[in-house]
Amino acid sequence: MWASLGKMFLFIGIIMVVLGGIMLAGGKLFGLGRLPGDIYIQRGNFSFYFPIMTGLILSILLTIIINIFRR
């Protein structure tokens, strides 16, 4: 039981490290966050950002990756 729990925590940790690296480098390398369809409104000292297309693309990519690993 403890061995399987340890493997699960290790797997989750690896996924978090990879996702963190992608998030740090994603905006600079892939243009994530500045895609057409992302909403950015700035008025005075107020700014609103809603990444619709970035969220859709990341969702599709993660779905594909998870389906590959589940097979």
C-alpha atoms as a PDB file:
ATOM      1  CA  MET A   1       0.000   0.000   0.000  1.00  0.00           C
ATOM      2  CA  TRP A   2       2.725   2.496   0.944  1.00  0.00           C
ATOM      3  CA  ALA A   3       4.733   1.664  -2.176  1.00  0.00           C
ATOM      4  CA  SER A   4       1.836   2.527  -4.488  1.00  0.00           C
ATOM      5  CA  LEU A   5       1.146   5.733  -2.564  1.00  0.00           C
ATOM      6  CA  GLY A   6       4.814   6.690  -2.861  1.00  0.00           C
ATOM      7  CA  LYS A   7       4.770   6.057  -6.621  1.00  0.00           C
ATOM      8  CA  MET A   8       1.658   8.189  -6.970  1.00  0.00           C
ATOM      9  CA  PHE A   9       3.259  11.094  -5.075  1.00  0.00           C
ATOM     10  CA  LEU A  10       6.416  10.778  -7.179  1.00  0.00           C
ATOM     11  CA  PHE A  11       4.392  10.826 -10.399  1.00  0.00           C
ATOM     12  CA  ILE A  12       2.377  13.859  -9.267  1.00  0.00           C
ATOM     13  CA  GLY A  13       5.592  15.634  -8.270  1.00  0.00           C
ATOM     14  CA  ILE A  14       7.173  15.008 -11.672  1.00  0.00           C
ATOM     15  CA  ILE A  15       4.058  16.289 -13.424  1.00  0.00           C
ATOM     16  CA  MET A  16       4.060  19.437 -11.273  1.00  0.00           C
ATOM     17  CA  VAL A  17       7.743  20.117 -12.040  1.00  0.00           C
ATOM     18  CA  VAL A  18       7.163  19.695 -15.779  1.00  0.00           C
ATOM     19  CA  LEU A  19       4.056  21.896 -15.744  1.00  0.00           C
ATOM     20  CA  GLY A  20       5.879  24.529 -13.698  1.00  0.00           C
ATOM     21  CA  GLY A  21       8.708  24.609 -16.222  1.00  0.00           C
ATOM     22  CA  ILE A  22       6.251  24.909 -19.085  1.00  0.00           C
ATOM     23  CA  MET A  23       4.466  27.753 -17.317  1.00  0.00           C
ATOM     24  CA  LEU A  24       7.728  29.610 -16.691  1.00  0.00           C
ATOM     25  CA  ALA A  25       9.006  29.205 -20.244  1.00  0.00           C
ATOM     26  CA  GLY A  26       5.657  29.010 -22.024  1.00  0.00           C
ATOM     27  CA  GLY A  27       5.001  32.715 -22.304  1.00  0.00           C
ATOM     28  CA  LYS A  28       8.448  33.387 -23.702  1.00  0.00           C
ATOM     29  CA  LEU A  29       8.825  30.417 -26.029  1.00  0.00           C
ATOM     30  CA  PHE A  30       5.378  29.578 -27.326  1.00  0.00           C
ATOM     31  CA  GLY A  31       3.549  32.882 -27.026  1.00  0.00           C
ATOM     32  CA  LEU A  32       1.137  31.427 -24.483  1.00  0.00           C
ATOM     33  CA  GLY A  33      -0.949  34.144 -22.917  1.00  0.00           C
ATOM     34  CA  ARG A  34      -0.807  36.391 -25.969  1.00  0.00           C
ATOM     35  CA  LEU A  35      -2.854  34.348 -28.402  1.00  0.00           C
ATOM     36  CA  PRO A  36      -5.694  35.737 -30.509  1.00  0.00           C
ATOM     37  CA  GLY A  37      -8.834  35.127 -28.503  1.00  0.00           C
ATOM     38  CA  ASP A  38      -7.280  35.934 -25.119  1.00  0.00           C
ATOM     39  CA  ILE A  39      -9.119  38.865 -23.569  1.00  0.00           C
ATOM     40  CA  TYR A  40      -7.055  41.665 -22.043  1.00  0.00           C
ATOM     41  CA  ILE A  41      -8.672  44.903 -20.918  1.00  0.00           C
ATOM     42  CA  GLN A  42      -6.723  47.745 -19.306  1.00  0.00           C
ATOM     43  CA  ARG A  43      -8.354  50.961 -18.162  1.00  0.00           C
ATOM     44  CA  GLY A  44      -6.558  53.304 -15.814  1.00  0.00           C
ATOM     45  CA  ASN A  45      -5.342  51.342 -12.810  1.00  0.00           C
ATOM     46  CA  PHE A  46      -7.594  48.342 -13.601  1.00  0.00           C
ATOM     47  CA  SER A  47      -6.586  45.411 -15.773  1.00  0.00           C
ATOM     48  CA  PHE A  48      -8.506  42.247 -16.611  1.00  0.00           C
ATOM     49  CA  TYR A  49      -7.027  39.196 -18.334  1.00  0.00           C
ATOM     50  CA  PHE A  50      -8.952  36.095 -19.392  1.00  0.00           C
ATOM     51  CA  PRO A  51      -6.920  33.572 -21.446  1.00  0.00           C
ATOM     52  CA  ILE A  52      -9.661  31.772 -23.386  1.00  0.00           C
ATOM     53  CA  MET A  53      -7.570  30.411 -26.283  1.00  0.00           C
ATOM     54  CA  THR A  54      -4.566  29.617 -24.102  1.00  0.00           C
ATOM     55  CA  GLY A  55      -6.805  27.602 -21.802  1.00  0.00           C
ATOM     56  CA  LEU A  56      -8.382  25.732 -24.702  1.00  0.00           C
ATOM     57  CA  ILE A  57      -5.021  24.850 -26.251  1.00  0.00           C
ATOM     58  CA  LEU A  58      -3.562  23.698 -22.930  1.00  0.00           C
ATOM     59  CA  SER A  59      -6.676  21.636 -22.260  1.00  0.00           C
ATOM     60  CA  ILE A  60      -6.427  19.905 -25.634  1.00  0.00           C
ATOM     61  CA  LEU A  61      -2.694  19.215 -25.197  1.00  0.00           C
ATOM     62  CA  LEU A  62      -3.151  17.815 -21.689  1.00  0.00           C
ATOM     63  CA  THR A  63      -6.040  15.630 -22.859  1.00  0.00           C
ATOM     64  CA  ILE A  64      -3.885  14.181 -25.634  1.00  0.00           C
ATOM     65  CA  ILE A  65      -0.944  13.564 -23.269  1.00  0.00           C
ATOM     66  CA  ILE A  66      -3.113  11.915 -20.619  1.00  0.00           C
ATOM     67  CA  ASN A  67      -4.784   9.683 -23.231  1.00  0.00           C
ATOM     68  CA  ILE A  68      -1.384   8.577 -24.525  1.00  0.00           C
ATOM     69  CA  PHE A  69      -0.232   7.589 -21.013  1.00  0.00           C
ATOM     70  CA  ARG A  70      -3.489   5.804 -20.155  1.00  0.00           C
ATOM     71  CA  ARG A  71      -3.192   3.375 -23.070  1.00  0.00           C
END
